[in-house]
N, C-alpha and C. Protein backbone atom coordinates (compact mmCIF):
# COMPACT_ATOMS: atom_id res chain seq x y z
N MET A 1 178.93 149.31 32.41
CA MET A 1 179.58 149.85 32.79
C MET A 1 179.67 151.32 33.24
N GLU A 2 180.54 152.11 34.22
CA GLU A 2 180.33 153.36 33.99
C GLU A 2 180.94 154.22 33.26
N ASP A 3 180.51 155.59 33.31
CA ASP A 3 180.82 156.92 32.44
C ASP A 3 182.88 156.44 32.45
N ALA A 4 183.29 156.40 33.87
CA ALA A 4 184.50 156.59 34.43
C ALA A 4 185.26 155.29 34.02
N ASP A 5 184.73 154.12 33.87
CA ASP A 5 185.17 153.07 33.31
C ASP A 5 185.51 153.22 31.86
N LEU A 6 184.38 153.89 31.26
CA LEU A 6 184.57 153.58 29.93
C LEU A 6 185.85 154.70 28.91
N GLN A 7 185.74 155.99 30.37
CA GLN A 7 186.79 156.67 29.75
C GLN A 7 188.20 156.42 29.67
N SER A 8 188.10 155.48 30.94
CA SER A 8 189.25 154.74 31.17
C SER A 8 189.71 153.94 30.08
N LEU A 9 189.09 152.99 30.07
CA LEU A 9 189.20 152.11 29.01
C LEU A 9 189.33 152.42 27.65
N LYS A 10 188.93 154.00 27.22
CA LYS A 10 189.27 154.64 25.85
C LYS A 10 190.66 155.10 25.92
N THR A 11 190.94 155.37 27.02
CA THR A 11 192.49 156.37 27.23
C THR A 11 193.46 155.24 27.24
N LYS A 12 193.31 154.01 27.83
CA LYS A 12 194.00 153.01 27.85
C LYS A 12 194.25 152.41 26.12
N LEU A 13 193.05 152.46 25.51
CA LEU A 13 193.31 152.08 24.29
C LEU A 13 193.56 152.92 23.15
N GLU A 14 193.48 154.05 23.50
CA GLU A 14 194.33 155.47 22.71
C GLU A 14 195.55 154.99 23.19
N LEU A 15 196.25 155.11 24.28
CA LEU A 15 197.68 154.94 24.40
C LEU A 15 198.25 153.70 23.56
N LEU A 16 197.37 152.62 23.66
CA LEU A 16 197.61 151.40 23.17
C LEU A 16 197.89 151.51 21.65
N ILE A 17 196.96 151.86 21.03
CA ILE A 17 197.00 152.58 19.87
C ILE A 17 198.17 152.99 19.39
N GLN A 18 198.57 154.04 20.19
CA GLN A 18 199.68 154.91 19.74
C GLN A 18 200.94 154.39 20.02
N ARG A 19 201.04 153.30 20.79
CA ARG A 19 202.18 152.62 21.01
C ARG A 19 202.40 151.54 19.78
N VAL A 20 201.31 151.14 19.52
CA VAL A 20 201.37 150.44 18.32
C VAL A 20 201.94 150.75 17.02
N GLU A 21 201.49 152.28 17.00
CA GLU A 21 202.06 153.35 15.90
C GLU A 21 203.19 153.15 15.61
N GLN A 22 203.94 153.79 16.80
CA GLN A 22 205.39 153.98 17.30
C GLN A 22 205.94 152.79 17.15
N LEU A 23 205.90 151.37 17.30
CA LEU A 23 206.49 150.33 17.16
C LEU A 23 206.27 150.03 15.73
N LYS A 24 205.53 150.09 15.39
CA LYS A 24 205.22 149.93 13.57
C LYS A 24 206.80 150.86 13.02
N ALA A 25 206.28 152.25 13.44
CA ALA A 25 207.37 153.50 12.96
C ALA A 25 208.87 152.46 13.12
N HIS A 26 208.97 152.57 14.27
CA HIS A 26 210.48 151.80 14.52
C HIS A 26 210.80 151.01 14.00
N ASN A 27 209.98 149.83 13.72
CA ASN A 27 210.21 148.49 12.73
C ASN A 27 210.66 148.99 11.56
N ARG A 28 209.87 149.96 11.19
CA ARG A 28 210.42 150.35 9.59
C ARG A 28 211.74 150.75 9.39
N LEU A 29 211.81 151.29 10.67
CA LEU A 29 213.43 152.35 10.30
C LEU A 29 214.69 151.07 10.77
N LEU A 30 213.92 150.13 11.58
CA LEU A 30 215.11 149.11 11.73
C LEU A 30 215.46 148.00 10.47
N LEU A 31 214.44 148.29 9.62
CA LEU A 31 214.02 146.98 8.41
C LEU A 31 214.76 147.93 7.64
N GLY A 32 214.85 149.27 7.25
CA GLY A 32 215.48 150.14 6.24
C GLY A 32 216.85 150.01 6.67
N ASN A 33 217.12 150.28 7.97
CA ASN A 33 218.48 149.96 8.52
C ASN A 33 219.35 148.75 7.95
N GLU A 34 218.37 147.47 8.49
CA GLU A 34 218.79 145.92 8.12
C GLU A 34 219.03 145.79 6.69
N HIS A 35 218.73 146.36 5.71
CA HIS A 35 218.65 146.92 4.38
C HIS A 35 220.03 147.34 3.89
N ALA A 36 220.12 148.28 4.73
CA ALA A 36 221.09 149.13 4.37
C ALA A 36 222.43 148.53 4.54
N TRP A 37 222.73 147.79 5.98
CA TRP A 37 223.51 146.76 6.18
C TRP A 37 223.60 145.79 5.25
N ARG A 38 222.86 144.86 5.01
CA ARG A 38 223.06 143.66 4.52
C ARG A 38 223.70 144.21 2.77
N GLU A 39 223.25 145.50 2.25
CA GLU A 39 224.19 145.86 0.94
C GLU A 39 225.21 146.22 1.20
N GLU A 40 225.85 146.72 2.40
CA GLU A 40 227.25 147.37 2.87
C GLU A 40 227.62 145.93 2.84
N ARG A 41 227.26 145.05 3.65
CA ARG A 41 228.20 143.92 3.91
C ARG A 41 228.09 143.20 2.52
N ALA A 42 227.55 142.86 1.86
CA ALA A 42 227.30 142.22 0.37
C ALA A 42 228.71 143.01 -0.42
N HIS A 43 228.73 144.38 -0.64
CA HIS A 43 229.66 145.21 -1.32
C HIS A 43 231.18 145.05 -0.48
N LEU A 44 231.10 144.97 0.89
CA LEU A 44 232.24 144.28 1.64
C LEU A 44 232.82 142.95 1.28
N VAL A 45 231.99 141.96 1.26
CA VAL A 45 232.11 140.66 0.58
C VAL A 45 233.23 140.66 -0.45
N GLU A 46 232.21 141.57 -1.71
CA GLU A 46 232.76 141.36 -3.02
C GLU A 46 233.96 142.15 -3.23
N LYS A 47 234.51 143.36 -2.52
CA LYS A 47 235.56 143.82 -2.36
C LYS A 47 236.69 143.07 -1.80
N ASN A 48 236.45 142.36 -0.75
CA ASN A 48 237.33 141.33 -0.26
C ASN A 48 237.72 140.40 -0.98
N GLU A 49 236.47 139.59 -1.64
CA GLU A 49 237.14 138.92 -2.95
C GLU A 49 237.90 139.24 -3.95
N MET A 50 237.64 140.15 -4.44
CA MET A 50 238.87 141.15 -5.23
C MET A 50 240.25 141.14 -4.71
N ALA A 51 240.12 141.85 -3.61
CA ALA A 51 241.41 141.62 -2.96
C ALA A 51 242.14 140.33 -3.07
N ARG A 52 241.28 138.98 -2.40
CA ARG A 52 242.30 137.78 -2.35
C ARG A 52 242.24 137.58 -3.63
N LEU A 53 241.67 137.63 -4.43
CA LEU A 53 242.11 137.21 -6.17
C LEU A 53 243.55 137.89 -6.21
N LYS A 54 243.66 139.22 -5.98
CA LYS A 54 244.80 140.43 -6.65
C LYS A 54 245.78 139.61 -5.96
N VAL A 55 245.75 139.33 -4.69
CA VAL A 55 246.82 138.50 -3.81
C VAL A 55 247.63 137.41 -4.56
N GLU A 56 246.38 136.59 -4.77
CA GLU A 56 246.59 135.15 -5.00
C GLU A 56 247.13 135.46 -6.13
N ALA A 57 247.35 136.11 -7.52
CA ALA A 57 247.90 136.73 -8.61
C ALA A 57 249.03 137.12 -8.36
N MET A 58 249.30 137.77 -7.57
CA MET A 58 250.46 138.48 -7.14
C MET A 58 251.39 137.46 -6.18
N ILE A 59 251.18 136.63 -5.59
CA ILE A 59 251.72 135.14 -4.84
C ILE A 59 252.12 134.60 -6.66
N SER A 60 250.95 133.96 -7.40
CA SER A 60 251.72 133.22 -8.56
C SER A 60 252.56 133.68 -9.37
N ARG A 61 252.69 135.12 -9.49
CA ARG A 61 253.43 136.05 -10.38
C ARG A 61 255.02 135.81 -9.39
N LEU A 62 254.88 135.84 -8.16
CA LEU A 62 256.11 136.24 -7.43
C LEU A 62 256.63 134.35 -7.56
N LYS A 63 256.02 133.37 -7.37
CA LYS A 63 256.15 132.15 -7.58
C LYS A 63 256.92 132.17 -8.74
N ALA A 64 256.38 132.53 -10.08
CA ALA A 64 256.61 131.95 -11.61
C ALA A 64 258.02 133.08 -11.35
N LEU A 65 258.16 134.15 -10.93
CA LEU A 65 259.55 134.93 -11.01
C LEU A 65 260.61 134.30 -10.14
N GLU A 66 260.22 133.76 -9.39
CA GLU A 66 261.21 132.66 -8.27
C GLU A 66 261.60 131.79 -9.49
N GLN A 67 261.06 131.20 -9.84
CA GLN A 67 261.07 129.81 -10.71
C GLN A 67 262.36 130.27 -11.83
N ASP A 68 261.74 131.56 -12.78
CA ASP A 68 262.61 132.01 -13.45
C ASP A 68 263.87 132.07 -13.26
N GLN A 69 264.21 132.30 -11.99
CA GLN A 69 265.70 132.88 -12.02
C GLN A 69 266.55 131.53 -11.49
């Protein structure tokens, strides 16, 4: 292999390594975002369940009031 070919290959490998490192960093960022979104979703599901239970309790109380009248 000639020096020019070796230099070209070396340059391409360096660019490839740099791109792999960029993709790894981007992947870490995406995984962190996914984790945050999953936590937020779990929190919202919990809040939704609590709200549903409160509404059901209010409906039950209203029905009980109707029956008392």
